[in-house]
Amino acid sequence: MADKAKHIFFSGQVQGVGFRFTANSVARRYELSGFVRNTSDGKVELLLQGSGQDIDDCISDLRQTFAIRNIQTEDVPFNSSYEDFRITF
């Protein structure tokens, strides 16, 4: 697994529709590490770590599944403390 990481915020119809559980399932399918959680302003925050192609494919899968208005992404340093992917609160 390559050491790439992206910090992502999704906005649109992403809370109350199973987004976190779907993101967890998709990220695990791609063997990514990191987390997903809701934010207080109605967005969903993700940290995805793994190969660049797997991260892009995971984001693409989520875009095709949900009514996402906007995605903000930022490349961030890889953090080895995330050994798997999980839902956080």
Protein backbone atom coordinates (compact mmCIF):
# COMPACT_ATOMS: atom_id res chain seq x y z
CA MET A 1 0.00 0.00 0.00
CA ALA A 2 1.41 3.37 -1.01
CA ASP A 3 1.61 6.07 1.62
CA LYS A 4 -0.86 8.65 0.28
CA ALA A 5 -3.47 10.47 2.36
CA LYS A 6 -6.38 12.81 1.62
CA HIS A 7 -8.52 14.79 4.03
CA ILE A 8 -11.97 15.23 2.50
CA PHE A 9 -15.18 17.09 3.33
CA PHE A 10 -18.40 16.12 1.55
CA SER A 11 -21.46 18.38 1.54
CA GLY A 12 -24.94 17.85 0.16
CA GLN A 13 -27.36 15.14 1.21
CA VAL A 14 -24.74 13.24 3.21
CA GLN A 15 -26.09 13.05 6.77
CA GLY A 16 -28.95 10.79 7.76
CA VAL A 17 -28.68 8.66 4.60
CA GLY A 18 -26.21 5.97 5.65
CA PHE A 19 -23.20 7.82 4.22
CA ARG A 20 -20.80 6.93 7.07
CA PHE A 21 -21.69 3.24 6.97
CA THR A 22 -21.36 3.14 3.18
CA ALA A 23 -18.07 5.05 3.30
CA ASN A 24 -16.81 2.56 5.89
CA SER A 25 -17.76 -0.38 3.67
CA VAL A 26 -16.25 1.14 0.51
CA ALA A 27 -13.02 2.21 2.23
CA ARG A 28 -12.57 -1.26 3.71
CA ARG A 29 -13.19 -2.84 0.29
CA TYR A 30 -10.26 -0.78 -1.05
CA GLU A 31 -8.22 -1.64 2.07
CA LEU A 32 -7.85 2.03 3.01
CA SER A 33 -7.18 3.32 6.51
CA GLY A 34 -8.52 6.45 8.20
CA PHE A 35 -11.92 7.54 9.47
CA VAL A 36 -15.31 8.99 8.59
CA ARG A 37 -17.47 11.19 10.83
CA ASN A 38 -20.27 13.74 10.69
CA THR A 39 -19.43 17.37 11.42
CA SER A 40 -21.64 19.83 13.29
CA ASP A 41 -22.18 21.92 10.14
CA GLY A 42 -23.88 19.11 8.16
CA LYS A 43 -20.83 17.85 6.26
CA VAL A 44 -19.11 14.50 6.43
CA GLU A 45 -15.35 14.38 7.04
CA LEU A 46 -13.12 11.58 5.77
CA LEU A 47 -9.46 10.77 6.07
CA LEU A 48 -8.48 8.21 3.44
CA GLN A 49 -5.02 6.63 3.37
CA GLY A 50 -3.63 4.09 0.94
CA SER A 51 -2.78 4.00 -2.75
CA GLY A 52 -3.70 7.11 -4.73
CA GLN A 53 -5.78 5.06 -7.19
CA ASP A 54 -7.73 3.34 -4.40
CA ILE A 55 -8.44 6.69 -2.74
CA ASP A 56 -9.70 8.14 -6.05
CA ASP A 57 -11.82 5.04 -6.73
CA CYS A 58 -13.33 5.21 -3.23
CA ILE A 59 -14.28 8.87 -3.71
CA SER A 60 -15.74 8.08 -7.14
CA ASP A 61 -17.87 5.26 -5.70
CA LEU A 62 -19.23 7.58 -3.00
CA ARG A 63 -20.01 10.31 -5.56
CA GLN A 64 -22.02 7.83 -7.62
CA THR A 65 -24.01 6.63 -4.59
CA PHE A 66 -25.00 9.90 -2.87
CA ALA A 67 -26.28 13.37 -3.77
CA ILE A 68 -23.01 15.19 -3.07
CA ARG A 69 -22.97 18.92 -3.82
CA ASN A 70 -19.35 19.63 -3.10
CA ILE A 71 -16.14 17.84 -2.23
CA GLN A 72 -13.18 19.62 -0.68
CA THR A 73 -9.98 17.57 -0.74
CA GLU A 74 -6.56 18.26 0.63
CA ASP A 75 -3.45 16.10 0.41
CA VAL A 76 -2.12 15.55 3.91
CA PRO A 77 0.84 13.63 5.35
CA PHE A 78 0.34 9.89 5.82
CA ASN A 79 -0.31 9.03 9.48
CA SER A 80 0.73 5.48 10.37
CA SER A 81 -1.34 5.53 13.57
CA TYR A 82 -4.44 4.68 11.47
CA GLU A 83 -4.16 0.94 10.97
CA ASP A 84 -7.69 0.39 9.63
CA PHE A 85 -10.76 2.37 8.61
CA ARG A 86 -13.47 3.20 11.12
CA ILE A 87 -16.46 5.38 11.88
CA THR A 88 -15.70 7.95 14.56
CA PHE A 89 -17.95 10.40 16.40
